[in-house]
Amino acid sequence: MDYTKGNGLIIAVDSNARSKMWHDTITSQRGKILEGFLFCNDLYVLNEVTKTPTFQSNRGSSRIGITITNSRLVRCVSDWICGEEESCSDHNIGNFKIASEIMEKAGQITREYVTSQTRRTTRSLTLIFISIFKCINKTDANKLDEELQGKAKQYNTEDLINDCFSYVTAACNTAFRISKGRKLKTRRTVPWWNDELKILRKKVNALRWRYQRTLNNEDLKSDKKIQYNEGKRQYQSKLREEKFKSWQNTVPQQRSPSLGTQFSKLRLGS
């Protein structure tokens, strides 16, 4: 994780931890620890509800096999499923798809089209589709729909989706005016922020998350609240300490007379 540095990350792992977060029937102690780890590191579980468990043996079955990704790829991965094919292991095979085109464009500003000030956009878009798909029926809407359905059956599903996406993009580029888009605001860094504060903040967020998720046990919730308040106090104390150190390093250390000395000089007129 330390070496990804903003790149996409996918981890398929035998976690040996059970949790309702990845659709298991119970949440074990290891599951709670792993939930906190995922929350602190901004990681996402891709597992979806399936009939087949990820682990199955003579002793029982569970869903301890999980697929993890980071925020960079969470929108690029889809169609996660636990397969039923033979894997020569107690663990079943998890399958998913990665959209390469979306992956290449991840982090870029999406293109926006201006449609409110165009009167003939719908007509222009229709003509572009007719030209791209080489349709014969250009006036009768019903016949045009039947012709497009017939052309769609000739395609492979994946090829059809890719072609339709490129056709729609080409048609929109021709029919609509492209907006300049909004510039993303970059956050200003502060000199007193460091890795220790980052870790403490994530721990406080994890403690708060555990405290808020405890609903049925009042004693346990009270203990979680105490832990959260203590972690928050340590984080705020460290934050003030680092800010003060940064201020001391930034402001030049100059010897100046005290306020009392200056007041005495003013009073005496010297």
C-alpha atoms as a PDB file:
ATOM      1  CA  MET A   1       0.000   0.000   0.000  1.00  0.00           C
ATOM      2  CA  ASP A   2       2.856   2.408   0.724  1.00  0.00           C
ATOM      3  CA  TYR A   3       4.209   1.910  -2.806  1.00  0.00           C
ATOM      4  CA  THR A   4       1.010   2.563  -4.771  1.00  0.00           C
ATOM      5  CA  LYS A   5       1.368   6.362  -4.495  1.00  0.00           C
ATOM      6  CA  GLY A   6      -1.953   7.276  -6.100  1.00  0.00           C
ATOM      7  CA  ASN A   7      -2.147   4.254  -8.404  1.00  0.00           C
ATOM      8  CA  GLY A   8      -4.894   1.650  -8.469  1.00  0.00           C
ATOM      9  CA  LEU A   9      -4.753  -1.234  -6.004  1.00  0.00           C
ATOM     10  CA  ILE A  10      -6.633  -4.564  -5.954  1.00  0.00           C
ATOM     11  CA  ILE A  11      -6.024  -7.223  -3.299  1.00  0.00           C
ATOM     12  CA  ALA A  12      -7.635 -10.682  -3.412  1.00  0.00           C
ATOM     13  CA  VAL A  13      -6.963 -12.233  -0.018  1.00  0.00           C
ATOM     14  CA  ASP A  14      -7.936 -15.079   2.304  1.00  0.00           C
ATOM     15  CA  SER A  15      -8.653 -12.831   5.284  1.00  0.00           C
ATOM     16  CA  ASN A  16      -9.652 -15.528   7.815  1.00  0.00           C
ATOM     17  CA  ALA A  17     -12.012 -12.856   9.139  1.00  0.00           C
ATOM     18  CA  ARG A  18     -15.776 -12.984   9.051  1.00  0.00           C
ATOM     19  CA  SER A  19     -17.931  -9.877   8.852  1.00  0.00           C
ATOM     20  CA  LYS A  20     -21.402  -8.853   7.755  1.00  0.00           C
ATOM     21  CA  MET A  21     -19.697  -6.044   5.896  1.00  0.00           C
ATOM     22  CA  TRP A  22     -18.749  -8.572   3.187  1.00  0.00           C
ATOM     23  CA  HIS A  23     -22.056 -10.439   3.498  1.00  0.00           C
ATOM     24  CA  ASP A  24     -21.090 -13.161   5.971  1.00  0.00           C
ATOM     25  CA  THR A  25     -23.615 -14.365   8.543  1.00  0.00           C
ATOM     26  CA  ILE A  26     -21.626 -13.220  11.596  1.00  0.00           C
ATOM     27  CA  THR A  27     -18.912 -10.722  12.515  1.00  0.00           C
ATOM     28  CA  SER A  28     -15.904 -12.160  14.339  1.00  0.00           C
ATOM     29  CA  GLN A  29     -13.285 -10.293  16.351  1.00  0.00           C
ATOM     30  CA  ARG A  30     -10.878 -10.503  13.428  1.00  0.00           C
ATOM     31  CA  GLY A  31     -13.616  -9.104  11.237  1.00  0.00           C
ATOM     32  CA  LYS A  32     -13.990  -6.054  13.476  1.00  0.00           C
ATOM     33  CA  ILE A  33     -10.239  -5.447  13.381  1.00  0.00           C
ATOM     34  CA  LEU A  34     -10.160  -5.770   9.599  1.00  0.00           C
ATOM     35  CA  GLU A  35     -13.152  -3.425   9.262  1.00  0.00           C
ATOM     36  CA  GLY A  36     -11.260  -0.782  11.197  1.00  0.00           C
ATOM     37  CA  PHE A  37      -8.147  -1.306   9.070  1.00  0.00           C
ATOM     38  CA  LEU A  38     -10.117  -0.909   5.842  1.00  0.00           C
ATOM     39  CA  PHE A  39     -11.841   2.204   7.149  1.00  0.00           C
ATOM     40  CA  CYS A  40      -8.590   3.830   8.269  1.00  0.00           C
ATOM     41  CA  ASN A  41      -6.877   3.201   4.921  1.00  0.00           C
ATOM     42  CA  ASP A  42      -9.790   4.238   2.673  1.00  0.00           C
ATOM     43  CA  LEU A  43     -10.166   0.748   1.215  1.00  0.00           C
ATOM     44  CA  TYR A  44     -13.331  -0.812  -0.209  1.00  0.00           C
ATOM     45  CA  VAL A  45     -14.602  -4.396  -0.282  1.00  0.00           C
ATOM     46  CA  LEU A  46     -15.888  -5.485  -3.695  1.00  0.00           C
ATOM     47  CA  ASN A  47     -17.680  -8.629  -2.512  1.00  0.00           C
ATOM     48  CA  GLU A  48     -21.348  -8.807  -3.429  1.00  0.00           C
ATOM     49  CA  VAL A  49     -24.164 -11.083  -2.291  1.00  0.00           C
ATOM     50  CA  THR A  50     -23.867 -14.468  -4.025  1.00  0.00           C
ATOM     51  CA  LYS A  51     -25.273 -17.918  -3.375  1.00  0.00           C
ATOM     52  CA  THR A  52     -21.816 -19.497  -3.400  1.00  0.00           C
ATOM     53  CA  PRO A  53     -19.601 -18.833  -0.350  1.00  0.00           C
ATOM     54  CA  THR A  54     -15.979 -17.913  -0.926  1.00  0.00           C
ATOM     55  CA  PHE A  55     -14.779 -20.697   1.403  1.00  0.00           C
ATOM     56  CA  GLN A  56     -16.327 -24.167   1.615  1.00  0.00           C
ATOM     57  CA  SER A  57     -15.035 -27.353   3.265  1.00  0.00           C
ATOM     58  CA  ASN A  58     -16.240 -30.357   5.259  1.00  0.00           C
ATOM     59  CA  ARG A  59     -16.169 -28.253   8.442  1.00  0.00           C
ATOM     60  CA  GLY A  60     -18.457 -25.555   7.070  1.00  0.00           C
ATOM     61  CA  SER A  61     -18.597 -22.552   4.794  1.00  0.00           C
ATOM     62  CA  SER A  62     -18.012 -18.821   5.138  1.00  0.00           C
ATOM     63  CA  ARG A  63     -17.117 -15.727   3.149  1.00  0.00           C
ATOM     64  CA  ILE A  64     -13.589 -15.064   4.352  1.00  0.00           C
ATOM     65  CA  GLY A  65     -12.201 -14.603   0.847  1.00  0.00           C
ATOM     66  CA  ILE A  66     -12.526 -10.926  -0.010  1.00  0.00           C
ATOM     67  CA  THR A  67     -11.451  -8.595  -2.803  1.00  0.00           C
ATOM     68  CA  ILE A  68     -10.228  -5.160  -1.742  1.00  0.00           C
ATOM     69  CA  THR A  69      -9.565  -2.043  -3.784  1.00  0.00           C
ATOM     70  CA  ASN A  70      -8.753   1.609  -3.158  1.00  0.00           C
ATOM     71  CA  SER A  71     -10.594   4.773  -4.135  1.00  0.00           C
ATOM     72  CA  ARG A  72      -8.629   4.987  -7.380  1.00  0.00           C
ATOM     73  CA  LEU A  73     -10.199   1.821  -8.823  1.00  0.00           C
ATOM     74  CA  VAL A  74     -13.466   1.439  -6.928  1.00  0.00           C
ATOM     75  CA  ARG A  75     -15.478   2.849  -9.862  1.00  0.00           C
ATOM     76  CA  CYS A  76     -13.583   0.807 -12.444  1.00  0.00           C
ATOM     77  CA  VAL A  77     -14.301  -2.648 -10.992  1.00  0.00           C
ATOM     78  CA  SER A  78     -17.707  -4.240 -11.533  1.00  0.00           C
ATOM     79  CA  ASP A  79     -19.605  -7.542 -11.799  1.00  0.00           C
ATOM     80  CA  TRP A  80     -17.935  -9.236  -8.833  1.00  0.00           C
ATOM     81  CA  ILE A  81     -19.138 -12.819  -8.451  1.00  0.00           C
ATOM     82  CA  CYS A  82     -18.002 -15.950  -6.678  1.00  0.00           C
ATOM     83  CA  GLY A  83     -17.754 -18.702  -9.298  1.00  0.00           C
ATOM     84  CA  GLU A  84     -18.754 -22.331  -8.869  1.00  0.00           C
ATOM     85  CA  GLU A  85     -16.006 -23.800 -11.055  1.00  0.00           C
ATOM     86  CA  GLU A  86     -13.463 -26.189  -9.566  1.00  0.00           C
ATOM     87  CA  SER A  87     -10.469 -24.421  -8.024  1.00  0.00           C
ATOM     88  CA  CYS A  88      -8.590 -27.400  -6.499  1.00  0.00           C
ATOM     89  CA  SER A  89      -8.873 -25.621  -3.162  1.00  0.00           C
ATOM     90  CA  ASP A  90     -11.340 -24.969  -0.355  1.00  0.00           C
ATOM     91  CA  HIS A  91     -11.586 -21.412  -1.645  1.00  0.00           C
ATOM     92  CA  ASN A  92     -13.786 -20.616  -4.611  1.00  0.00           C
ATOM     93  CA  ILE A  93     -12.691 -18.335  -7.419  1.00  0.00           C
ATOM     94  CA  GLY A  94     -13.846 -14.728  -7.366  1.00  0.00           C
ATOM     95  CA  ASN A  95     -14.346 -13.062 -10.739  1.00  0.00           C
ATOM     96  CA  PHE A  96     -14.679  -9.372 -11.574  1.00  0.00           C
ATOM     97  CA  LYS A  97     -14.233  -6.986 -14.490  1.00  0.00           C
ATOM     98  CA  ILE A  98     -12.011  -3.931 -14.782  1.00  0.00           C
ATOM     99  CA  ALA A  99     -13.046  -1.225 -17.223  1.00  0.00           C
ATOM    100  CA  SER A 100      -9.744  -0.293 -18.846  1.00  0.00           C
ATOM    101  CA  GLU A 101     -11.084   2.817 -20.582  1.00  0.00           C
ATOM    102  CA  ILE A 102     -12.465   4.209 -17.331  1.00  0.00           C
ATOM    103  CA  MET A 103      -9.226   3.249 -15.605  1.00  0.00           C
ATOM    104  CA  GLU A 104      -7.180   5.312 -18.056  1.00  0.00           C
ATOM    105  CA  LYS A 105      -9.434   8.323 -17.517  1.00  0.00           C
ATOM    106  CA  ALA A 106      -9.593   8.010 -13.736  1.00  0.00           C
ATOM    107  CA  GLY A 107      -8.810  11.265 -12.026  1.00  0.00           C
ATOM    108  CA  GLN A 108      -9.381  13.385 -15.122  1.00  0.00           C
ATOM    109  CA  ILE A 109     -12.078  16.024 -15.467  1.00  0.00           C
ATOM    110  CA  THR A 110     -15.171  14.648 -17.185  1.00  0.00           C
ATOM    111  CA  ARG A 111     -16.350  16.308 -20.357  1.00  0.00           C
ATOM    112  CA  GLU A 112     -19.499  18.396 -20.083  1.00  0.00           C
ATOM    113  CA  TYR A 113     -21.796  19.253 -22.980  1.00  0.00           C
ATOM    114  CA  VAL A 114     -23.875  22.419 -23.257  1.00  0.00           C
ATOM    115  CA  THR A 115     -27.386  21.310 -24.279  1.00  0.00           C
ATOM    116  CA  SER A 116     -29.623  24.103 -22.983  1.00  0.00           C
ATOM    117  CA  GLN A 117     -28.850  26.578 -25.766  1.00  0.00           C
ATOM    118  CA  THR A 118     -29.170  24.227 -28.739  1.00  0.00           C
ATOM    119  CA  ARG A 119     -32.467  23.949 -30.618  1.00  0.00           C
ATOM    120  CA  ARG A 120     -31.617  21.423 -33.279  1.00  0.00           C
ATOM    121  CA  THR A 121     -29.565  19.098 -31.118  1.00  0.00           C
ATOM    122  CA  THR A 122     -32.045  16.208 -31.041  1.00  0.00           C
ATOM    123  CA  ARG A 123     -32.443  16.257 -34.834  1.00  0.00           C
ATOM    124  CA  SER A 124     -28.691  16.515 -35.355  1.00  0.00           C
ATOM    125  CA  LEU A 125     -28.027  13.643 -32.945  1.00  0.00           C
ATOM    126  CA  THR A 126     -30.558  11.428 -34.729  1.00  0.00           C
ATOM    127  CA  LEU A 127     -29.014  12.131 -38.130  1.00  0.00           C
ATOM    128  CA  ILE A 128     -25.549  11.341 -36.784  1.00  0.00           C
ATOM    129  CA  PHE A 129     -26.728   7.972 -35.440  1.00  0.00           C
ATOM    130  CA  ILE A 130     -28.356   7.165 -38.780  1.00  0.00           C
ATOM    131  CA  SER A 131     -25.139   8.014 -40.574  1.00  0.00           C
ATOM    132  CA  ILE A 132     -22.915   6.017 -38.204  1.00  0.00           C
ATOM    133  CA  PHE A 133     -25.045   2.862 -38.235  1.00  0.00           C
ATOM    134  CA  LYS A 134     -25.680   3.267 -42.000  1.00  0.00           C
ATOM    135  CA  CYS A 135     -29.454   2.965 -41.627  1.00  0.00           C
ATOM    136  CA  ILE A 136     -31.666   2.843 -44.731  1.00  0.00           C
ATOM    137  CA  ASN A 137     -34.923   4.006 -43.085  1.00  0.00           C
ATOM    138  CA  LYS A 138     -34.380   7.643 -42.197  1.00  0.00           C
ATOM    139  CA  THR A 139     -37.930   8.961 -41.829  1.00  0.00           C
ATOM    140  CA  ASP A 140     -40.090   6.174 -40.383  1.00  0.00           C
ATOM    141  CA  ALA A 141     -39.311   5.872 -36.670  1.00  0.00           C
ATOM    142  CA  ASN A 142     -40.778   2.353 -36.295  1.00  0.00           C
ATOM    143  CA  LYS A 143     -38.829   0.939 -39.236  1.00  0.00           C
ATOM    144  CA  LEU A 144     -35.697   2.706 -38.023  1.00  0.00           C
ATOM    145  CA  ASP A 145     -36.112   1.094 -34.607  1.00  0.00           C
ATOM    146  CA  GLU A 146     -36.525  -2.368 -36.166  1.00  0.00           C
ATOM    147  CA  GLU A 147     -33.458  -1.810 -38.321  1.00  0.00           C
ATOM    148  CA  LEU A 148     -31.361  -0.790 -35.329  1.00  0.00           C
ATOM    149  CA  GLN A 149     -32.551  -3.859 -33.386  1.00  0.00           C
ATOM    150  CA  GLY A 150     -31.511  -6.082 -36.285  1.00  0.00           C
ATOM    151  CA  LYS A 151     -28.071  -4.477 -36.421  1.00  0.00           C
ATOM    152  CA  ALA A 152     -27.686  -4.889 -32.663  1.00  0.00           C
ATOM    153  CA  LYS A 153     -28.234  -8.667 -32.927  1.00  0.00           C
ATOM    154  CA  GLN A 154     -25.303  -8.941 -35.302  1.00  0.00           C
ATOM    155  CA  TYR A 155     -22.885  -7.637 -32.689  1.00  0.00           C
ATOM    156  CA  ASN A 156     -21.233  -9.318 -29.755  1.00  0.00           C
ATOM    157  CA  THR A 157     -22.565  -7.806 -26.502  1.00  0.00           C
ATOM    158  CA  GLU A 158     -19.209  -6.405 -25.356  1.00  0.00           C
ATOM    159  CA  ASP A 159     -18.351  -5.116 -28.834  1.00  0.00           C
ATOM    160  CA  LEU A 160     -21.792  -3.543 -29.120  1.00  0.00           C
ATOM    161  CA  ILE A 161     -21.370  -1.681 -25.824  1.00  0.00           C
ATOM    162  CA  ASN A 162     -17.932  -0.402 -26.818  1.00  0.00           C
ATOM    163  CA  ASP A 163     -19.146   0.648 -30.270  1.00  0.00           C
ATOM    164  CA  CYS A 164     -22.254   2.344 -28.862  1.00  0.00           C
ATOM    165  CA  PHE A 165     -20.136   4.223 -26.344  1.00  0.00           C
ATOM    166  CA  SER A 166     -17.793   5.474 -29.073  1.00  0.00           C
ATOM    167  CA  TYR A 167     -20.783   6.347 -31.319  1.00  0.00           C
ATOM    168  CA  VAL A 168     -22.494   8.318 -28.566  1.00  0.00           C
ATOM    169  CA  THR A 169     -19.248  10.145 -27.764  1.00  0.00           C
ATOM    170  CA  ALA A 170     -18.666  10.996 -31.432  1.00  0.00           C
ATOM    171  CA  ALA A 171     -22.277  12.114 -31.882  1.00  0.00           C
ATOM    172  CA  CYS A 172     -22.222  14.313 -28.790  1.00  0.00           C
ATOM    173  CA  ASN A 173     -18.900  15.870 -29.816  1.00  0.00           C
ATOM    174  CA  THR A 174     -20.461  16.819 -33.142  1.00  0.00           C
ATOM    175  CA  ALA A 175     -23.930  17.894 -31.975  1.00  0.00           C
ATOM    176  CA  PHE A 176     -23.160  19.691 -28.715  1.00  0.00           C
ATOM    177  CA  ARG A 177     -20.891  22.498 -27.707  1.00  0.00           C
ATOM    178  CA  ILE A 178     -18.292  21.304 -25.218  1.00  0.00           C
ATOM    179  CA  SER A 179     -18.030  23.200 -21.976  1.00  0.00           C
ATOM    180  CA  LYS A 180     -14.642  24.421 -20.836  1.00  0.00           C
ATOM    181  CA  GLY A 181     -15.211  22.697 -17.508  1.00  0.00           C
ATOM    182  CA  ARG A 182     -14.395  23.758 -14.023  1.00  0.00           C
ATOM    183  CA  LYS A 183     -10.887  23.839 -12.679  1.00  0.00           C
ATOM    184  CA  LEU A 184     -10.288  21.707  -9.639  1.00  0.00           C
ATOM    185  CA  LYS A 185      -9.213  23.598  -6.569  1.00  0.00           C
ATOM    186  CA  THR A 186      -5.938  22.390  -5.153  1.00  0.00           C
ATOM    187  CA  ARG A 187      -5.663  22.180  -1.420  1.00  0.00           C
ATOM    188  CA  ARG A 188      -2.970  24.235   0.216  1.00  0.00           C
ATOM    189  CA  THR A 189      -0.590  22.269   2.371  1.00  0.00           C
ATOM    190  CA  VAL A 190       0.335  23.312   5.882  1.00  0.00           C
ATOM    191  CA  PRO A 191       3.852  22.967   7.299  1.00  0.00           C
ATOM    192  CA  TRP A 192       2.776  21.396  10.566  1.00  0.00           C
ATOM    193  CA  TRP A 193       0.968  18.358   9.062  1.00  0.00           C
ATOM    194  CA  ASN A 194       2.912  15.072   9.185  1.00  0.00           C
ATOM    195  CA  ASP A 195       2.439  11.299   8.979  1.00  0.00           C
ATOM    196  CA  GLU A 196       1.945  10.934  12.738  1.00  0.00           C
ATOM    197  CA  LEU A 197      -1.031  13.304  12.676  1.00  0.00           C
ATOM    198  CA  LYS A 198      -2.419  11.471   9.674  1.00  0.00           C
ATOM    199  CA  ILE A 199      -2.276   8.140  11.518  1.00  0.00           C
ATOM    200  CA  LEU A 200      -3.843   9.647  14.649  1.00  0.00           C
ATOM    201  CA  ARG A 201      -6.686  11.157  12.621  1.00  0.00           C
ATOM    202  CA  LYS A 202      -7.430   7.811  10.985  1.00  0.00           C
ATOM    203  CA  LYS A 203      -7.421   6.102  14.379  1.00  0.00           C
ATOM    204  CA  VAL A 204      -9.873   8.678  15.734  1.00  0.00           C
ATOM    205  CA  ASN A 205     -12.149   8.153  12.736  1.00  0.00           C
ATOM    206  CA  ALA A 206     -12.002   4.390  13.268  1.00  0.00           C
ATOM    207  CA  LEU A 207     -12.834   4.751  16.977  1.00  0.00           C
ATOM    208  CA  ARG A 208     -15.737   7.038  16.175  1.00  0.00           C
ATOM    209  CA  TRP A 209     -17.005   4.585  13.547  1.00  0.00           C
ATOM    210  CA  ARG A 210     -16.886   1.684  16.025  1.00  0.00           C
ATOM    211  CA  TYR A 211     -18.636   3.773  18.683  1.00  0.00           C
ATOM    212  CA  GLN A 212     -21.427   4.815  16.324  1.00  0.00           C
ATOM    213  CA  ARG A 213     -21.950   1.251  15.065  1.00  0.00           C
ATOM    214  CA  THR A 214     -22.436  -0.190  18.554  1.00  0.00           C
ATOM    215  CA  LEU A 215     -26.213  -0.099  19.044  1.00  0.00           C
ATOM    216  CA  ASN A 216     -27.512  -3.040  21.074  1.00  0.00           C
ATOM    217  CA  ASN A 217     -25.039  -3.129  23.977  1.00  0.00           C
ATOM    218  CA  GLU A 218     -25.063   0.022  26.122  1.00  0.00           C
ATOM    219  CA  ASP A 219     -22.064  -1.003  28.270  1.00  0.00           C
ATOM    220  CA  LEU A 220     -19.964  -1.742  25.214  1.00  0.00           C
ATOM    221  CA  LYS A 221     -21.087   1.501  23.602  1.00  0.00           C
ATOM    222  CA  SER A 222     -20.063   3.423  26.729  1.00  0.00           C
ATOM    223  CA  ASP A 223     -16.588   1.833  26.602  1.00  0.00           C
ATOM    224  CA  LYS A 224     -16.300   2.660  22.884  1.00  0.00           C
ATOM    225  CA  LYS A 225     -17.270   6.263  23.639  1.00  0.00           C
ATOM    226  CA  ILE A 226     -14.551   6.555  26.285  1.00  0.00           C
ATOM    227  CA  GLN A 227     -11.973   5.159  23.847  1.00  0.00           C
ATOM    228  CA  TYR A 228     -13.137   7.562  21.145  1.00  0.00           C
ATOM    229  CA  ASN A 229     -12.969  10.601  23.450  1.00  0.00           C
ATOM    230  CA  GLU A 230      -9.497   9.601  24.663  1.00  0.00           C
ATOM    231  CA  GLY A 231      -8.247   9.133  21.094  1.00  0.00           C
ATOM    232  CA  LYS A 232      -9.767  12.465  20.098  1.00  0.00           C
ATOM    233  CA  ARG A 233      -8.086  14.192  23.043  1.00  0.00           C
ATOM    234  CA  GLN A 234      -4.684  12.756  22.104  1.00  0.00           C
ATOM    235  CA  TYR A 235      -5.140  13.797  18.485  1.00  0.00           C
ATOM    236  CA  GLN A 236      -6.111  17.380  19.368  1.00  0.00           C
ATOM    237  CA  SER A 237      -3.240  17.655  21.855  1.00  0.00           C
ATOM    238  CA  LYS A 238      -0.730  16.456  19.255  1.00  0.00           C
ATOM    239  CA  LEU A 239      -2.260  18.827  16.721  1.00  0.00           C
ATOM    240  CA  ARG A 240      -1.748  21.835  18.982  1.00  0.00           C
ATOM    241  CA  GLU A 241       1.775  20.700  19.772  1.00  0.00           C
ATOM    242  CA  GLU A 242       2.771  20.422  16.090  1.00  0.00           C
ATOM    243  CA  LYS A 243       1.206  23.790  15.274  1.00  0.00           C
ATOM    244  CA  PHE A 244       3.159  25.453  18.079  1.00  0.00           C
ATOM    245  CA  LYS A 245       6.425  23.796  16.966  1.00  0.00           C
ATOM    246  CA  SER A 246       5.827  24.942  13.404  1.00  0.00           C
ATOM    247  CA  TRP A 247       5.150  28.485  14.599  1.00  0.00           C
ATOM    248  CA  GLN A 248       8.390  28.479  16.618  1.00  0.00           C
ATOM    249  CA  ASN A 249      10.376  27.326  13.599  1.00  0.00           C
ATOM    250  CA  THR A 250       8.720  29.840  11.273  1.00  0.00           C
ATOM    251  CA  VAL A 251       8.828  32.984  13.392  1.00  0.00           C
ATOM    252  CA  PRO A 252      12.424  34.236  13.846  1.00  0.00           C
ATOM    253  CA  GLN A 253      13.605  34.023  17.421  1.00  0.00           C
ATOM    254  CA  GLN A 254      14.528  37.593  18.357  1.00  0.00           C
ATOM    255  CA  ARG A 255      15.195  38.906  21.790  1.00  0.00           C
ATOM    256  CA  SER A 256      12.827  41.758  22.514  1.00  0.00           C
ATOM    257  CA  PRO A 257      12.096  43.589  25.759  1.00  0.00           C
ATOM    258  CA  SER A 258       9.124  42.391  27.748  1.00  0.00           C
ATOM    259  CA  LEU A 259       5.819  44.226  27.739  1.00  0.00           C
ATOM    260  CA  GLY A 260       6.373  45.418  31.316  1.00  0.00           C
ATOM    261  CA  THR A 261       9.736  46.944  30.415  1.00  0.00           C
ATOM    262  CA  GLN A 262       8.260  48.760  27.431  1.00  0.00           C
ATOM    263  CA  PHE A 263       5.374  50.104  29.530  1.00  0.00           C
ATOM    264  CA  SER A 264       7.794  51.388  32.194  1.00  0.00           C
ATOM    265  CA  LYS A 265       9.825  53.226  29.542  1.00  0.00           C
ATOM    266  CA  LEU A 266       6.732  54.836  28.114  1.00  0.00           C
ATOM    267  CA  ARG A 267       5.549  55.938  31.549  1.00  0.00           C
ATOM    268  CA  LEU A 268       8.896  57.477  32.430  1.00  0.00           C
ATOM    269  CA  GLY A 269       9.131  59.135  29.033  1.00  0.00           C
ATOM    270  CA  SER A 270      12.398  57.501  28.129  1.00  0.00           C
END
